[in-house]
Amino acid sequence: MAEKKNIKVKTFTTELKEFKAMRELADLDGQVNKFIKEKKVKKVVSVSDAATTDTTGASIGLIRVLVYES
């Protein structure tokens, strides 16, 4: 019989500000890494990013989705 896997999804968000995006992305990476460590994530299945935009099309935020096995 196949082993049952416990797949979960966690979403992280950050606001992107002009000239501060690199710092905000590093902070987002830190949040994700801290979550992985604290939750003792066994395996990362997928990580994906999607930008959010304002009415002019400018990027104003980022959504990061982590799919993992716990």
Protein backbone atom coordinates (compact mmCIF):
# COMPACT_ATOMS: atom_id res chain seq x y z
CA MET A 1 0.00 0.00 0.00
CA ALA A 2 1.32 3.46 -0.91
CA GLU A 3 2.42 5.81 1.85
CA LYS A 4 -0.07 8.61 2.51
CA LYS A 5 1.52 12.05 2.09
CA ASN A 6 0.40 15.14 3.93
CA ILE A 7 0.55 17.95 1.31
CA LYS A 8 -0.04 21.51 2.50
CA VAL A 9 -0.02 24.99 0.97
CA LYS A 10 1.20 28.21 2.61
CA THR A 11 0.92 31.66 1.06
CA PHE A 12 3.23 34.58 1.84
CA THR A 13 2.82 38.18 0.65
CA THR A 14 4.91 41.31 0.54
CA GLU A 15 4.41 44.84 -0.68
CA LEU A 16 6.97 46.08 -3.20
CA LYS A 17 8.12 49.66 -2.85
CA GLU A 18 10.14 51.57 -5.39
CA PHE A 19 13.92 51.18 -4.89
CA LYS A 20 13.42 48.70 -2.02
CA ALA A 21 12.40 45.57 -3.91
CA MET A 22 15.68 43.68 -3.33
CA ARG A 23 15.41 44.14 0.44
CA GLU A 24 11.74 43.16 0.42
CA LEU A 25 12.50 40.02 -1.62
CA ALA A 26 15.28 39.08 0.81
CA ASP A 27 12.85 39.57 3.71
CA LEU A 28 10.29 37.37 1.94
CA ASP A 29 12.93 34.67 1.44
CA GLY A 30 13.70 34.91 5.15
CA GLN A 31 10.03 34.47 6.07
CA VAL A 32 9.76 31.37 3.91
CA ASN A 33 13.00 29.87 5.22
CA LYS A 34 11.95 30.53 8.82
CA PHE A 35 8.59 28.86 8.17
CA ILE A 36 10.30 25.80 6.63
CA LYS A 37 12.62 25.49 9.62
CA GLU A 38 9.99 26.08 12.33
CA LYS A 39 7.43 23.72 10.78
CA LYS A 40 10.10 21.07 10.11
CA VAL A 41 9.04 20.80 6.47
CA LYS A 42 10.14 17.41 5.11
CA LYS A 43 10.00 18.23 1.43
CA VAL A 44 9.27 21.33 -0.66
CA VAL A 45 7.12 20.31 -3.62
CA SER A 46 6.79 23.70 -5.31
CA VAL A 47 7.44 27.40 -4.85
CA SER A 48 5.91 29.98 -7.15
CA ASP A 49 5.71 33.77 -7.24
CA ALA A 50 3.09 36.03 -8.78
CA ALA A 51 3.24 39.81 -8.96
CA THR A 52 0.29 42.00 -8.07
CA THR A 53 -0.18 45.23 -9.99
CA ASP A 54 -1.95 48.53 -9.69
CA THR A 55 -4.23 50.08 -12.31
CA THR A 56 -1.23 51.30 -14.32
CA GLY A 57 0.32 47.83 -14.48
CA ALA A 58 3.15 48.64 -12.06
CA SER A 59 4.17 45.82 -9.71
CA ILE A 60 3.09 46.66 -6.18
CA GLY A 61 3.33 43.34 -4.42
CA LEU A 62 4.32 39.72 -4.56
CA ILE A 63 2.51 36.54 -3.61
CA ARG A 64 4.66 33.48 -2.93
CA VAL A 65 3.00 30.08 -2.67
CA LEU A 66 4.82 27.18 -1.00
CA VAL A 67 3.55 23.62 -1.46
CA TYR A 68 5.18 21.19 0.95
CA GLU A 69 5.01 17.87 2.75
CA SER A 70 4.88 17.97 6.52
